[in-house]
C-alpha cells in the first residue's frame, strides 16, 4: 500500500483506520506497521492525534489480527502453516522444541524482530500457547513496537525514508538478531 494511501486512511478514519490496518498487519503483515506508525508519530507531533489512543488502537488491532492467525493455525495445525507456506517443514520440529522450553520469551521478542514477527502467531498456535497468555504477550509487544516507531515519526517527521541514513546499521542489527535466534533454535534441537 503506497504511503499516500496509508495517510489518506489515517486522516479520514483516524483511530479506527489505525485499528483496522494494524489488525490486517497482525494477520498478514500488510500494510507495513513501520510506515504506518512513522506517519502517526508525525501526526502526534503535529497535535492531530494523541499518543495513548494511537498506541491503544494500533496494539489492540494488531493483537486481534495476531489472534486470528494464531487461532487458524491452532485449529488447523501444522498442515495449515505448511499449506500457506508460512513456515518450511524442516523448521517445524525446531519451532516445537524451542517453544516448549522458552516459548514465552521467543513469542515476545520475536514480535519485535521484523523478520520474525509474521511467524509469531503461527508458532504460538502450533505450540498451543494458552490463549490469554498469547493475547497478553501480543498486546504488550505490539504496544512496545508501536511506541518505538511512533517515536521515530514524532522525532523525525512522516517520511519513511528516515531509515535511509541508518539502513546499514539497522540491517546489521536485524541480521545479528535473526542469527542469534536462529542459532539458539538450532542449539535447542
C-alpha atoms as a PDB file:
ATOM      1  CA  UNK A   1       0.000   0.000   0.000  1.00  0.00           C
ATOM      2  CA  UNK A   2       1.548   3.336  -1.030  1.00  0.00           C
ATOM      3  CA  UNK A   3       2.385   5.791   1.702  1.00  0.00           C
ATOM      4  CA  UNK A   4      -0.216   8.285   0.414  1.00  0.00           C
ATOM      5  CA  UNK A   5      -2.977   5.653   0.754  1.00  0.00           C
ATOM      6  CA  UNK A   6      -1.990   4.994   4.354  1.00  0.00           C
ATOM      7  CA  UNK A   7      -2.034   8.704   5.037  1.00  0.00           C
ATOM      8  CA  UNK A   8      -5.475   9.104   3.443  1.00  0.00           C
ATOM      9  CA  UNK A   9      -6.921   6.250   5.507  1.00  0.00           C
ATOM     10  CA  UNK A  10      -5.469   7.573   8.755  1.00  0.00           C
ATOM     11  CA  UNK A  11      -6.535  11.158   8.083  1.00  0.00           C
ATOM     12  CA  UNK A  12     -10.073  10.152   7.072  1.00  0.00           C
ATOM     13  CA  UNK A  13     -10.735   7.298   9.533  1.00  0.00           C
ATOM     14  CA  UNK A  14      -8.477   8.322  12.413  1.00  0.00           C
ATOM     15  CA  UNK A  15      -8.052   5.808  15.206  1.00  0.00           C
ATOM     16  CA  UNK A  16     -10.435   3.318  13.581  1.00  0.00           C
ATOM     17  CA  UNK A  17      -8.248   3.351  10.451  1.00  0.00           C
ATOM     18  CA  UNK A  18      -5.169   2.672  12.590  1.00  0.00           C
ATOM     19  CA  UNK A  19      -7.008  -0.168  14.356  1.00  0.00           C
ATOM     20  CA  UNK A  20      -8.192  -1.751  11.078  1.00  0.00           C
ATOM     21  CA  UNK A  21      -4.830  -1.514   9.314  1.00  0.00           C
ATOM     22  CA  UNK A  22      -2.981  -2.933  12.310  1.00  0.00           C
ATOM     23  CA  UNK A  23      -5.495  -5.810  12.533  1.00  0.00           C
ATOM     24  CA  UNK A  24      -4.693  -6.590   8.886  1.00  0.00           C
ATOM     25  CA  UNK A  25      -0.981  -6.293   9.698  1.00  0.00           C
ATOM     26  CA  UNK A  26      -1.304  -8.757  12.580  1.00  0.00           C
ATOM     27  CA  UNK A  27      -2.913 -11.326  10.307  1.00  0.00           C
ATOM     28  CA  UNK A  28      -0.935 -10.794   7.113  1.00  0.00           C
ATOM     29  CA  UNK A  29       1.950  -8.366   7.867  1.00  0.00           C
ATOM     30  CA  UNK A  30       0.418  -5.893   5.426  1.00  0.00           C
ATOM     31  CA  UNK A  31       0.349  -2.877   5.425  1.00  0.00           C
ATOM     32  CA  UNK A  32       3.726  -2.035   6.906  1.00  0.00           C
ATOM     33  CA  UNK A  33       3.397  -1.158  10.568  1.00  0.00           C
ATOM     34  CA  UNK A  34       6.661   0.754  10.450  1.00  0.00           C
ATOM     35  CA  UNK A  35       5.426   3.158   7.750  1.00  0.00           C
ATOM     36  CA  UNK A  36       2.013   3.494   9.402  1.00  0.00           C
ATOM     37  CA  UNK A  37       3.484   4.283  12.808  1.00  0.00           C
ATOM     38  CA  UNK A  38       6.035   6.731  11.450  1.00  0.00           C
ATOM     39  CA  UNK A  39       3.176   8.694   9.905  1.00  0.00           C
ATOM     40  CA  UNK A  40       1.026   8.519  13.058  1.00  0.00           C
ATOM     41  CA  UNK A  41       4.047   9.672  15.063  1.00  0.00           C
ATOM     42  CA  UNK A  42       4.264  12.676  12.784  1.00  0.00           C
ATOM     43  CA  UNK A  43       0.530  13.364  13.325  1.00  0.00           C
ATOM     44  CA  UNK A  44       1.077  13.122  17.085  1.00  0.00           C
ATOM     45  CA  UNK A  45       3.845  15.723  16.832  1.00  0.00           C
ATOM     46  CA  UNK A  46       1.503  17.955  14.799  1.00  0.00           C
ATOM     47  CA  UNK A  47      -1.169  17.681  17.512  1.00  0.00           C
ATOM     48  CA  UNK A  48      -3.648  15.821  15.263  1.00  0.00           C
ATOM     49  CA  UNK A  49      -3.567  12.518  17.170  1.00  0.00           C
ATOM     50  CA  UNK A  50      -2.861  11.526  20.757  1.00  0.00           C
ATOM     51  CA  UNK A  51      -0.164   9.130  21.993  1.00  0.00           C
ATOM     52  CA  UNK A  52      -2.370   6.879  24.097  1.00  0.00           C
ATOM     53  CA  UNK A  53      -5.213   6.449  21.564  1.00  0.00           C
ATOM     54  CA  UNK A  54      -2.732   5.705  18.736  1.00  0.00           C
ATOM     55  CA  UNK A  55      -0.835   3.111  20.778  1.00  0.00           C
ATOM     56  CA  UNK A  56      -4.092   1.597  22.068  1.00  0.00           C
ATOM     57  CA  UNK A  57      -5.751   1.424  18.618  1.00  0.00           C
ATOM     58  CA  UNK A  58      -2.634   0.008  16.959  1.00  0.00           C
ATOM     59  CA  UNK A  59      -1.735  -2.515  19.647  1.00  0.00           C
ATOM     60  CA  UNK A  60      -5.332  -3.707  20.027  1.00  0.00           C
ATOM     61  CA  UNK A  61      -5.801  -4.041  16.267  1.00  0.00           C
ATOM     62  CA  UNK A  62      -2.517  -5.877  15.820  1.00  0.00           C
ATOM     63  CA  UNK A  63      -3.315  -8.198  18.717  1.00  0.00           C
ATOM     64  CA  UNK A  64      -6.691  -9.096  17.192  1.00  0.00           C
ATOM     65  CA  UNK A  65      -5.057  -9.821  13.824  1.00  0.00           C
ATOM     66  CA  UNK A  66      -2.421 -11.980  15.532  1.00  0.00           C
ATOM     67  CA  UNK A  67      -5.121 -13.838  17.475  1.00  0.00           C
ATOM     68  CA  UNK A  68      -6.999 -14.611  14.236  1.00  0.00           C
ATOM     69  CA  UNK A  69      -3.850 -16.086  12.661  1.00  0.00           C
ATOM     70  CA  UNK A  70      -2.991 -17.885  15.916  1.00  0.00           C
ATOM     71  CA  UNK A  71      -6.496 -19.436  16.073  1.00  0.00           C
ATOM     72  CA  UNK A  72      -6.389 -20.527  12.427  1.00  0.00           C
ATOM     73  CA  UNK A  73      -3.039 -22.225  12.994  1.00  0.00           C
ATOM     74  CA  UNK A  74      -4.084 -23.675  16.359  1.00  0.00           C
ATOM     75  CA  UNK A  75      -7.286 -25.205  14.916  1.00  0.00           C
ATOM     76  CA  UNK A  76      -5.918 -26.351  11.580  1.00  0.00           C
ATOM     77  CA  UNK A  77      -2.491 -27.305  12.878  1.00  0.00           C
ATOM     78  CA  UNK A  78       0.792 -27.726  11.117  1.00  0.00           C
ATOM     79  CA  UNK A  79      -0.952 -28.597   7.849  1.00  0.00           C
ATOM     80  CA  UNK A  80      -2.363 -25.066   7.674  1.00  0.00           C
ATOM     81  CA  UNK A  81       1.037 -23.457   8.189  1.00  0.00           C
ATOM     82  CA  UNK A  82       2.587 -25.708   5.555  1.00  0.00           C
ATOM     83  CA  UNK A  83      -0.268 -25.182   3.083  1.00  0.00           C
ATOM     84  CA  UNK A  84       0.032 -21.407   3.355  1.00  0.00           C
ATOM     85  CA  UNK A  85       3.847 -21.659   3.065  1.00  0.00           C
ATOM     86  CA  UNK A  86       4.228 -19.715   6.297  1.00  0.00           C
ATOM     87  CA  UNK A  87       6.987 -21.954   7.553  1.00  0.00           C
ATOM     88  CA  UNK A  88       9.250 -24.591   5.965  1.00  0.00           C
ATOM     89  CA  UNK A  89       8.516 -28.169   7.026  1.00  0.00           C
ATOM     90  CA  UNK A  90      12.107 -28.671   8.198  1.00  0.00           C
ATOM     91  CA  UNK A  91      11.678 -25.888  10.769  1.00  0.00           C
ATOM     92  CA  UNK A  92       8.546 -27.257  12.436  1.00  0.00           C
ATOM     93  CA  UNK A  93      10.307 -29.678  14.795  1.00  0.00           C
ATOM     94  CA  UNK A  94      12.745 -26.928  15.781  1.00  0.00           C
ATOM     95  CA  UNK A  95       9.914 -24.485  16.482  1.00  0.00           C
ATOM     96  CA  UNK A  96       8.084 -27.045  18.600  1.00  0.00           C
ATOM     97  CA  UNK A  97      11.147 -27.726  20.758  1.00  0.00           C
ATOM     98  CA  UNK A  98      12.058 -24.047  21.145  1.00  0.00           C
ATOM     99  CA  UNK A  99       8.543 -23.061  22.112  1.00  0.00           C
ATOM    100  CA  UNK A 100       8.210 -25.936  24.510  1.00  0.00           C
ATOM    101  CA  UNK A 101      11.136 -24.615  26.545  1.00  0.00           C
ATOM    102  CA  UNK A 102      11.295 -20.872  26.017  1.00  0.00           C
ATOM    103  CA  UNK A 103       8.127 -20.094  24.123  1.00  0.00           C
ATOM    104  CA  UNK A 104       7.097 -17.018  26.048  1.00  0.00           C
ATOM    105  CA  UNK A 105      10.457 -15.319  25.530  1.00  0.00           C
ATOM    106  CA  UNK A 106      10.507 -16.143  21.818  1.00  0.00           C
ATOM    107  CA  UNK A 107       6.909 -15.032  21.331  1.00  0.00           C
ATOM    108  CA  UNK A 108       7.526 -11.677  22.991  1.00  0.00           C
ATOM    109  CA  UNK A 109      10.899 -10.840  21.446  1.00  0.00           C
ATOM    110  CA  UNK A 110      10.068 -12.461  18.113  1.00  0.00           C
ATOM    111  CA  UNK A 111       7.232  -9.960  17.755  1.00  0.00           C
ATOM    112  CA  UNK A 112       9.838  -7.189  17.992  1.00  0.00           C
ATOM    113  CA  UNK A 113      12.056  -8.532  15.188  1.00  0.00           C
ATOM    114  CA  UNK A 114      10.836  -7.554  11.706  1.00  0.00           C
ATOM    115  CA  UNK A 115      11.956 -10.785  10.040  1.00  0.00           C
ATOM    116  CA  UNK A 116      10.275 -12.972  12.684  1.00  0.00           C
ATOM    117  CA  UNK A 117       7.134 -11.088  13.726  1.00  0.00           C
ATOM    118  CA  UNK A 118       4.982 -12.626  10.976  1.00  0.00           C
ATOM    119  CA  UNK A 119       5.766 -16.136  12.275  1.00  0.00           C
ATOM    120  CA  UNK A 120       4.978 -15.451  15.928  1.00  0.00           C
ATOM    121  CA  UNK A 121       1.196 -16.100  15.771  1.00  0.00           C
ATOM    122  CA  UNK A 122       1.817 -19.238  13.708  1.00  0.00           C
ATOM    123  CA  UNK A 123       4.387 -20.574  16.163  1.00  0.00           C
ATOM    124  CA  UNK A 124       2.149 -19.688  19.116  1.00  0.00           C
ATOM    125  CA  UNK A 125      -0.786 -21.502  17.520  1.00  0.00           C
ATOM    126  CA  UNK A 126       1.279 -24.552  16.625  1.00  0.00           C
ATOM    127  CA  UNK A 127       2.613 -24.714  20.187  1.00  0.00           C
ATOM    128  CA  UNK A 128      -0.924 -24.196  21.557  1.00  0.00           C
ATOM    129  CA  UNK A 129       0.264 -21.387  23.815  1.00  0.00           C
ATOM    130  CA  UNK A 130      -2.518 -20.586  26.310  1.00  0.00           C
ATOM    131  CA  UNK A 131      -4.839 -18.051  24.675  1.00  0.00           C
ATOM    132  CA  UNK A 132      -4.813 -15.457  27.453  1.00  0.00           C
ATOM    133  CA  UNK A 133      -1.025 -15.562  27.702  1.00  0.00           C
ATOM    134  CA  UNK A 134      -0.655 -15.280  23.928  1.00  0.00           C
ATOM    135  CA  UNK A 135      -3.039 -12.304  23.771  1.00  0.00           C
ATOM    136  CA  UNK A 136      -1.236 -10.534  26.624  1.00  0.00           C
ATOM    137  CA  UNK A 137       2.180 -11.078  25.011  1.00  0.00           C
ATOM    138  CA  UNK A 138       0.935  -9.771  21.671  1.00  0.00           C
ATOM    139  CA  UNK A 139      -0.692  -6.709  23.254  1.00  0.00           C
ATOM    140  CA  UNK A 140       2.412  -5.714  25.203  1.00  0.00           C
ATOM    141  CA  UNK A 141       4.891  -6.401  22.390  1.00  0.00           C
ATOM    142  CA  UNK A 142       2.635  -4.606  19.881  1.00  0.00           C
ATOM    143  CA  UNK A 143       2.469  -1.585  22.188  1.00  0.00           C
ATOM    144  CA  UNK A 144       6.275  -1.552  22.530  1.00  0.00           C
ATOM    145  CA  UNK A 145       6.651  -1.802  18.727  1.00  0.00           C
ATOM    146  CA  UNK A 146       4.085   0.953  18.196  1.00  0.00           C
ATOM    147  CA  UNK A 147       5.695   3.259  20.710  1.00  0.00           C
ATOM    148  CA  UNK A 148       9.146   2.838  19.151  1.00  0.00           C
ATOM    149  CA  UNK A 149       8.039   3.617  15.602  1.00  0.00           C
ATOM    150  CA  UNK A 150       5.690   6.414  16.658  1.00  0.00           C
ATOM    151  CA  UNK A 151       8.657   7.962  18.452  1.00  0.00           C
ATOM    152  CA  UNK A 152      10.650   7.855  15.194  1.00  0.00           C
ATOM    153  CA  UNK A 153       7.845   9.642  13.344  1.00  0.00           C
ATOM    154  CA  UNK A 154       7.385  12.077  16.203  1.00  0.00           C
ATOM    155  CA  UNK A 155      11.082  12.907  16.202  1.00  0.00           C
ATOM    156  CA  UNK A 156      11.998  12.815  12.503  1.00  0.00           C
ATOM    157  CA  UNK A 157       8.723  13.520  10.671  1.00  0.00           C
ATOM    158  CA  UNK A 158       6.450  11.492   8.425  1.00  0.00           C
ATOM    159  CA  UNK A 159       8.970  10.248   5.877  1.00  0.00           C
ATOM    160  CA  UNK A 160       9.621   6.537   5.962  1.00  0.00           C
ATOM    161  CA  UNK A 161      12.909   7.405   4.229  1.00  0.00           C
ATOM    162  CA  UNK A 162      14.267   8.303   7.664  1.00  0.00           C
ATOM    163  CA  UNK A 163      15.804   4.826   7.633  1.00  0.00           C
ATOM    164  CA  UNK A 164      17.914   5.636   4.558  1.00  0.00           C
ATOM    165  CA  UNK A 165      20.715   7.152   6.595  1.00  0.00           C
ATOM    166  CA  UNK A 166      20.587   4.306   9.097  1.00  0.00           C
ATOM    167  CA  UNK A 167      19.785   1.465   6.683  1.00  0.00           C
ATOM    168  CA  UNK A 168      23.144  -0.301   7.005  1.00  0.00           C
ATOM    169  CA  UNK A 169      23.116  -0.088  10.804  1.00  0.00           C
ATOM    170  CA  UNK A 170      19.518  -1.305  11.014  1.00  0.00           C
ATOM    171  CA  UNK A 171      20.217  -4.144   8.563  1.00  0.00           C
ATOM    172  CA  UNK A 172      23.251  -5.274  10.568  1.00  0.00           C
ATOM    173  CA  UNK A 173      21.255  -5.207  13.822  1.00  0.00           C
ATOM    174  CA  UNK A 174      18.397  -7.173  12.223  1.00  0.00           C
ATOM    175  CA  UNK A 175      20.793  -9.776  10.778  1.00  0.00           C
ATOM    176  CA  UNK A 176      22.531 -10.190  14.146  1.00  0.00           C
ATOM    177  CA  UNK A 177      19.207 -10.636  15.975  1.00  0.00           C
ATOM    178  CA  UNK A 178      17.915 -13.141  13.437  1.00  0.00           C
ATOM    179  CA  UNK A 179      21.231 -15.042  13.530  1.00  0.00           C
ATOM    180  CA  UNK A 180      21.168 -15.178  17.346  1.00  0.00           C
ATOM    181  CA  UNK A 181      17.609 -16.508  17.400  1.00  0.00           C
ATOM    182  CA  UNK A 182      18.361 -18.996  14.611  1.00  0.00           C
ATOM    183  CA  UNK A 183      21.480 -20.206  16.439  1.00  0.00           C
ATOM    184  CA  UNK A 184      19.507 -20.569  19.665  1.00  0.00           C
ATOM    185  CA  UNK A 185      16.841 -22.575  17.815  1.00  0.00           C
ATOM    186  CA  UNK A 186      19.440 -24.869  16.267  1.00  0.00           C
ATOM    187  CA  UNK A 187      21.178 -25.391  19.625  1.00  0.00           C
ATOM    188  CA  UNK A 188      17.875 -26.320  21.252  1.00  0.00           C
ATOM    189  CA  UNK A 189      17.165 -29.091  18.758  1.00  0.00           C
END
